[in-house]
């Protein structure tokens, strides 16, 4: 695994543990010689992950749309900063550069990125592992809701299993290293 895409907030959130785990993840990835691909910002958890990985000697590739560069949130100290036209190109570029995907806490943008990459897996557009780092229970209710979707018949068990949720990033990375590429038939639950 050469690179992992990290989806996370452009805000630091209200609990310092979010930034602590983001920094730990950046160091962990760099320590395992796994590059970070992320949204290219120098703010919030995005900046924290990038800075921690860089400080630990890791590769960090930021992908940011032009309009956000103009808003002065681009991280110009990363290994490589790719400036793209729009959010659609950003997500496609991040996906093509990455061997797996992890979500840290974040807002609607983080959820949108996570759900889109998960949908792509469900539709067979990629077979890369997808995980959610449940920092301090941030995603616990989401995990319950995803299980509710299965129980209610709107999400197949095999599709639900495409996303791993764990509070420990190291366990997620270990699971990623044993990931079996599975193509799901979305219409067969």
C-alpha atoms as a PDB file:
ATOM      1  CA  UNK A   1       0.000   0.000   0.000  1.00  0.00           C
ATOM      2  CA  UNK A   2       1.717   3.147  -1.226  1.00  0.00           C
ATOM      3  CA  UNK A   3      -0.830   5.854  -0.408  1.00  0.00           C
ATOM      4  CA  UNK A   4      -3.988   6.287   1.635  1.00  0.00           C
ATOM      5  CA  UNK A   5      -6.517   9.024   1.034  1.00  0.00           C
ATOM      6  CA  UNK A   6      -7.637  10.693   4.260  1.00  0.00           C
ATOM      7  CA  UNK A   7     -10.998  12.438   4.310  1.00  0.00           C
ATOM      8  CA  UNK A   8     -11.367  14.798   7.277  1.00  0.00           C
ATOM      9  CA  UNK A   9     -12.598  18.148   8.458  1.00  0.00           C
ATOM     10  CA  UNK A  10     -11.373  21.566   7.435  1.00  0.00           C
ATOM     11  CA  UNK A  11     -12.229  22.390  11.043  1.00  0.00           C
ATOM     12  CA  UNK A  12     -10.482  20.978  14.110  1.00  0.00           C
ATOM     13  CA  UNK A  13     -13.786  20.212  15.826  1.00  0.00           C
ATOM     14  CA  UNK A  14     -14.698  20.876  19.428  1.00  0.00           C
ATOM     15  CA  UNK A  15     -12.625  18.192  21.153  1.00  0.00           C
ATOM     16  CA  UNK A  16      -8.790  18.264  21.157  1.00  0.00           C
ATOM     17  CA  UNK A  17      -8.752  14.471  20.761  1.00  0.00           C
ATOM     18  CA  UNK A  18      -9.750  14.889  17.100  1.00  0.00           C
ATOM     19  CA  UNK A  19      -6.529  16.771  16.362  1.00  0.00           C
ATOM     20  CA  UNK A  20      -4.504  14.364  18.500  1.00  0.00           C
ATOM     21  CA  UNK A  21      -5.722  11.369  16.511  1.00  0.00           C
ATOM     22  CA  UNK A  22      -5.257  13.220  13.203  1.00  0.00           C
ATOM     23  CA  UNK A  23      -1.631  13.942  14.137  1.00  0.00           C
ATOM     24  CA  UNK A  24      -1.122  10.346  15.261  1.00  0.00           C
ATOM     25  CA  UNK A  25      -2.519   9.075  11.982  1.00  0.00           C
ATOM     26  CA  UNK A  26      -0.200  11.317   9.951  1.00  0.00           C
ATOM     27  CA  UNK A  27       2.809  10.039  11.912  1.00  0.00           C
ATOM     28  CA  UNK A  28       1.598   6.438  11.722  1.00  0.00           C
ATOM     29  CA  UNK A  29       1.255   6.557   7.938  1.00  0.00           C
ATOM     30  CA  UNK A  30       4.645   8.211   7.482  1.00  0.00           C
ATOM     31  CA  UNK A  31       6.211   5.667   9.847  1.00  0.00           C
ATOM     32  CA  UNK A  32       4.869   2.862   7.667  1.00  0.00           C
ATOM     33  CA  UNK A  33       6.097   4.606   4.515  1.00  0.00           C
ATOM     34  CA  UNK A  34       2.521   5.173   3.355  1.00  0.00           C
ATOM     35  CA  UNK A  35       1.904   8.492   1.639  1.00  0.00           C
ATOM     36  CA  UNK A  36      -1.054  10.699   2.494  1.00  0.00           C
ATOM     37  CA  UNK A  37      -3.446  11.950  -0.161  1.00  0.00           C
ATOM     38  CA  UNK A  38      -5.892  14.538   1.119  1.00  0.00           C
ATOM     39  CA  UNK A  39      -7.868  17.650   0.237  1.00  0.00           C
ATOM     40  CA  UNK A  40      -4.862  19.995   0.152  1.00  0.00           C
ATOM     41  CA  UNK A  41      -5.833  22.413   2.927  1.00  0.00           C
ATOM     42  CA  UNK A  42      -3.688  23.806   5.707  1.00  0.00           C
ATOM     43  CA  UNK A  43      -6.638  24.226   8.074  1.00  0.00           C
ATOM     44  CA  UNK A  44      -8.421  21.978  10.565  1.00  0.00           C
ATOM     45  CA  UNK A  45      -7.782  18.262  10.743  1.00  0.00           C
ATOM     46  CA  UNK A  46      -6.634  18.384   7.124  1.00  0.00           C
ATOM     47  CA  UNK A  47      -3.677  20.563   8.031  1.00  0.00           C
ATOM     48  CA  UNK A  48      -2.968  18.531  11.159  1.00  0.00           C
ATOM     49  CA  UNK A  49      -2.717  15.215   9.279  1.00  0.00           C
ATOM     50  CA  UNK A  50      -0.546  16.773   6.575  1.00  0.00           C
ATOM     51  CA  UNK A  51       1.806  18.545   8.986  1.00  0.00           C
ATOM     52  CA  UNK A  52       2.261  15.455  11.174  1.00  0.00           C
ATOM     53  CA  UNK A  53       3.041  13.242   8.178  1.00  0.00           C
ATOM     54  CA  UNK A  54       5.487  15.817   6.796  1.00  0.00           C
ATOM     55  CA  UNK A  55       7.207  16.242  10.178  1.00  0.00           C
ATOM     56  CA  UNK A  56       7.653  12.464  10.307  1.00  0.00           C
ATOM     57  CA  UNK A  57       9.263  12.477   6.854  1.00  0.00           C
ATOM     58  CA  UNK A  58       6.245  11.232   4.914  1.00  0.00           C
ATOM     59  CA  UNK A  59       4.941  12.011   1.471  1.00  0.00           C
ATOM     60  CA  UNK A  60       1.847  14.240   1.367  1.00  0.00           C
ATOM     61  CA  UNK A  61      -0.086  14.979  -1.795  1.00  0.00           C
ATOM     62  CA  UNK A  62      -2.757  17.637  -1.536  1.00  0.00           C
ATOM     63  CA  UNK A  63      -5.496  17.943  -4.140  1.00  0.00           C
ATOM     64  CA  UNK A  64      -7.393  21.206  -4.064  1.00  0.00           C
ATOM     65  CA  UNK A  65      -9.748  23.033  -6.429  1.00  0.00           C
ATOM     66  CA  UNK A  66      -8.742  26.446  -7.742  1.00  0.00           C
ATOM     67  CA  UNK A  67     -11.477  28.298  -5.867  1.00  0.00           C
ATOM     68  CA  UNK A  68     -10.100  27.066  -2.526  1.00  0.00           C
ATOM     69  CA  UNK A  69      -6.549  28.062  -3.442  1.00  0.00           C
ATOM     70  CA  UNK A  70      -7.851  31.571  -4.065  1.00  0.00           C
ATOM     71  CA  UNK A  71      -9.517  31.489  -0.645  1.00  0.00           C
ATOM     72  CA  UNK A  72      -5.989  30.998   0.766  1.00  0.00           C
ATOM     73  CA  UNK A  73      -6.546  27.630   2.439  1.00  0.00           C
ATOM     74  CA  UNK A  74      -4.090  25.641   0.298  1.00  0.00           C
ATOM     75  CA  UNK A  75      -1.145  23.994   2.072  1.00  0.00           C
ATOM     76  CA  UNK A  76       1.889  25.109   0.080  1.00  0.00           C
ATOM     77  CA  UNK A  77       4.338  23.070   2.181  1.00  0.00           C
ATOM     78  CA  UNK A  78       3.213  19.601   1.070  1.00  0.00           C
ATOM     79  CA  UNK A  79       5.283  17.251  -1.069  1.00  0.00           C
ATOM     80  CA  UNK A  80       3.021  17.923  -4.029  1.00  0.00           C
ATOM     81  CA  UNK A  81       0.031  20.239  -4.384  1.00  0.00           C
ATOM     82  CA  UNK A  82      -2.242  19.430  -7.291  1.00  0.00           C
ATOM     83  CA  UNK A  83      -4.578  22.240  -8.225  1.00  0.00           C
ATOM     84  CA  UNK A  84      -7.664  21.019 -10.044  1.00  0.00           C
ATOM     85  CA  UNK A  85     -10.655  22.718 -11.620  1.00  0.00           C
ATOM     86  CA  UNK A  86     -13.461  21.629  -9.292  1.00  0.00           C
ATOM     87  CA  UNK A  87     -14.611  19.296  -6.512  1.00  0.00           C
ATOM     88  CA  UNK A  88     -15.472  16.477  -8.939  1.00  0.00           C
ATOM     89  CA  UNK A  89     -11.963  16.462 -10.365  1.00  0.00           C
ATOM     90  CA  UNK A  90     -10.571  16.659  -6.819  1.00  0.00           C
ATOM     91  CA  UNK A  91     -12.345  13.470  -5.733  1.00  0.00           C
ATOM     92  CA  UNK A  92     -11.460  11.592  -8.923  1.00  0.00           C
ATOM     93  CA  UNK A  93      -7.802  12.608  -8.602  1.00  0.00           C
ATOM     94  CA  UNK A  94      -7.647  11.668  -4.922  1.00  0.00           C
ATOM     95  CA  UNK A  95      -9.186   8.274  -5.723  1.00  0.00           C
ATOM     96  CA  UNK A  96      -6.781   7.567  -8.575  1.00  0.00           C
ATOM     97  CA  UNK A  97      -3.745   8.380  -6.403  1.00  0.00           C
ATOM     98  CA  UNK A  98      -4.846   6.216  -3.462  1.00  0.00           C
ATOM     99  CA  UNK A  99      -4.761   2.534  -2.569  1.00  0.00           C
ATOM    100  CA  UNK A 100      -7.246   2.886   0.321  1.00  0.00           C
ATOM    101  CA  UNK A 101      -9.455   5.455   2.042  1.00  0.00           C
ATOM    102  CA  UNK A 102      -9.821   6.537   5.679  1.00  0.00           C
ATOM    103  CA  UNK A 103     -12.272   9.028   7.148  1.00  0.00           C
ATOM    104  CA  UNK A 104     -11.517  10.994  10.293  1.00  0.00           C
ATOM    105  CA  UNK A 105     -14.131  13.258  11.902  1.00  0.00           C
ATOM    106  CA  UNK A 106     -15.441  16.007   9.676  1.00  0.00           C
ATOM    107  CA  UNK A 107     -18.556  17.694   8.412  1.00  0.00           C
ATOM    108  CA  UNK A 108     -20.753  17.272   5.374  1.00  0.00           C
ATOM    109  CA  UNK A 109     -17.827  17.435   2.943  1.00  0.00           C
ATOM    110  CA  UNK A 110     -16.113  14.538   4.703  1.00  0.00           C
ATOM    111  CA  UNK A 111     -19.315  12.517   4.721  1.00  0.00           C
ATOM    112  CA  UNK A 112     -19.940  13.295   1.052  1.00  0.00           C
ATOM    113  CA  UNK A 113     -16.431  12.108   0.103  1.00  0.00           C
ATOM    114  CA  UNK A 114     -16.777   8.969   2.236  1.00  0.00           C
ATOM    115  CA  UNK A 115     -20.189   8.066   0.882  1.00  0.00           C
ATOM    116  CA  UNK A 116     -19.176   8.681  -2.719  1.00  0.00           C
ATOM    117  CA  UNK A 117     -16.078   6.482  -2.495  1.00  0.00           C
ATOM    118  CA  UNK A 118     -18.139   3.797  -0.737  1.00  0.00           C
ATOM    119  CA  UNK A 119     -20.781   4.028  -3.480  1.00  0.00           C
ATOM    120  CA  UNK A 120     -18.044   3.610  -6.090  1.00  0.00           C
ATOM    121  CA  UNK A 121     -16.947   0.424  -4.294  1.00  0.00           C
ATOM    122  CA  UNK A 122     -20.529  -0.839  -4.165  1.00  0.00           C
ATOM    123  CA  UNK A 123     -20.880  -0.223  -7.907  1.00  0.00           C
ATOM    124  CA  UNK A 124     -17.599  -2.021  -8.632  1.00  0.00           C
ATOM    125  CA  UNK A 125     -15.726   1.088  -9.765  1.00  0.00           C
ATOM    126  CA  UNK A 126     -12.897   0.210  -7.370  1.00  0.00           C
ATOM    127  CA  UNK A 127     -12.005  -2.581  -4.941  1.00  0.00           C
ATOM    128  CA  UNK A 128      -9.895  -0.554  -2.512  1.00  0.00           C
ATOM    129  CA  UNK A 129     -10.474  -0.749   1.257  1.00  0.00           C
ATOM    130  CA  UNK A 130     -12.530   1.954   2.967  1.00  0.00           C
ATOM    131  CA  UNK A 131     -12.422   2.679   6.693  1.00  0.00           C
ATOM    132  CA  UNK A 132     -13.772   5.084   9.261  1.00  0.00           C
ATOM    133  CA  UNK A 133     -11.712   6.077  12.308  1.00  0.00           C
ATOM    134  CA  UNK A 134     -14.292   6.412  15.069  1.00  0.00           C
ATOM    135  CA  UNK A 135     -12.510   8.997  17.233  1.00  0.00           C
ATOM    136  CA  UNK A 136     -14.136   9.302  20.668  1.00  0.00           C
ATOM    137  CA  UNK A 137     -17.380   7.805  19.371  1.00  0.00           C
ATOM    138  CA  UNK A 138     -17.794  10.475  16.682  1.00  0.00           C
ATOM    139  CA  UNK A 139     -19.055   7.948  14.124  1.00  0.00           C
ATOM    140  CA  UNK A 140     -20.755   5.480  16.517  1.00  0.00           C
ATOM    141  CA  UNK A 141     -24.265   6.656  15.630  1.00  0.00           C
ATOM    142  CA  UNK A 142     -23.420   6.539  11.938  1.00  0.00           C
ATOM    143  CA  UNK A 143     -22.371   2.898  12.384  1.00  0.00           C
ATOM    144  CA  UNK A 144     -25.691   2.200  14.109  1.00  0.00           C
ATOM    145  CA  UNK A 145     -27.552   3.913  11.273  1.00  0.00           C
ATOM    146  CA  UNK A 146     -25.694   1.908   8.627  1.00  0.00           C
ATOM    147  CA  UNK A 147     -26.712  -1.269  10.454  1.00  0.00           C
ATOM    148  CA  UNK A 148     -30.281   0.079  10.563  1.00  0.00           C
ATOM    149  CA  UNK A 149     -30.143   0.517   6.773  1.00  0.00           C
ATOM    150  CA  UNK A 150     -29.283  -3.184   6.480  1.00  0.00           C
ATOM    151  CA  UNK A 151     -32.052  -4.178   8.916  1.00  0.00           C
ATOM    152  CA  UNK A 152     -34.524  -2.041   6.970  1.00  0.00           C
ATOM    153  CA  UNK A 153     -33.647  -3.638   3.646  1.00  0.00           C
ATOM    154  CA  UNK A 154     -32.056  -0.609   1.973  1.00  0.00           C
ATOM    155  CA  UNK A 155     -28.441  -1.805   2.197  1.00  0.00           C
ATOM    156  CA  UNK A 156     -27.142  -5.299   1.597  1.00  0.00           C
ATOM    157  CA  UNK A 157     -24.901  -6.906   4.195  1.00  0.00           C
ATOM    158  CA  UNK A 158     -22.107  -7.307   1.651  1.00  0.00           C
ATOM    159  CA  UNK A 159     -22.300  -3.597   0.799  1.00  0.00           C
ATOM    160  CA  UNK A 160     -22.272  -2.662   4.487  1.00  0.00           C
ATOM    161  CA  UNK A 161     -19.129  -4.742   4.958  1.00  0.00           C
ATOM    162  CA  UNK A 162     -17.291  -2.644   2.364  1.00  0.00           C
ATOM    163  CA  UNK A 163     -16.731  -0.016   5.072  1.00  0.00           C
ATOM    164  CA  UNK A 164     -14.861  -0.859   8.264  1.00  0.00           C
ATOM    165  CA  UNK A 165     -15.422   1.245  11.361  1.00  0.00           C
ATOM    166  CA  UNK A 166     -12.874   1.109  14.201  1.00  0.00           C
ATOM    167  CA  UNK A 167     -11.550   3.479  16.847  1.00  0.00           C
ATOM    168  CA  UNK A 168      -7.965   2.289  16.270  1.00  0.00           C
ATOM    169  CA  UNK A 169      -6.249   3.430  13.054  1.00  0.00           C
ATOM    170  CA  UNK A 170      -3.624   0.704  13.437  1.00  0.00           C
ATOM    171  CA  UNK A 171      -6.297  -2.008  13.415  1.00  0.00           C
ATOM    172  CA  UNK A 172      -7.790  -0.459  10.285  1.00  0.00           C
ATOM    173  CA  UNK A 173      -4.389  -0.458   8.584  1.00  0.00           C
ATOM    174  CA  UNK A 174      -3.889  -4.082   9.603  1.00  0.00           C
ATOM    175  CA  UNK A 175      -7.292  -4.963   8.137  1.00  0.00           C
ATOM    176  CA  UNK A 176      -6.379  -3.044   4.983  1.00  0.00           C
ATOM    177  CA  UNK A 177      -3.211  -5.129   4.611  1.00  0.00           C
ATOM    178  CA  UNK A 178      -5.389  -8.275   4.487  1.00  0.00           C
ATOM    179  CA  UNK A 179      -8.086  -6.746   2.283  1.00  0.00           C
ATOM    180  CA  UNK A 180      -9.571  -9.064  -0.292  1.00  0.00           C
ATOM    181  CA  UNK A 181     -10.781  -7.182  -3.336  1.00  0.00           C
ATOM    182  CA  UNK A 182     -14.480  -7.950  -3.567  1.00  0.00           C
ATOM    183  CA  UNK A 183     -16.854  -6.775  -6.247  1.00  0.00           C
ATOM    184  CA  UNK A 184     -20.391  -6.459  -4.918  1.00  0.00           C
ATOM    185  CA  UNK A 185     -23.478  -7.020  -6.986  1.00  0.00           C
ATOM    186  CA  UNK A 186     -25.395  -3.981  -5.740  1.00  0.00           C
ATOM    187  CA  UNK A 187     -28.683  -5.558  -6.761  1.00  0.00           C
ATOM    188  CA  UNK A 188     -27.984  -8.737  -4.792  1.00  0.00           C
ATOM    189  CA  UNK A 189     -28.018  -8.088  -1.056  1.00  0.00           C
END
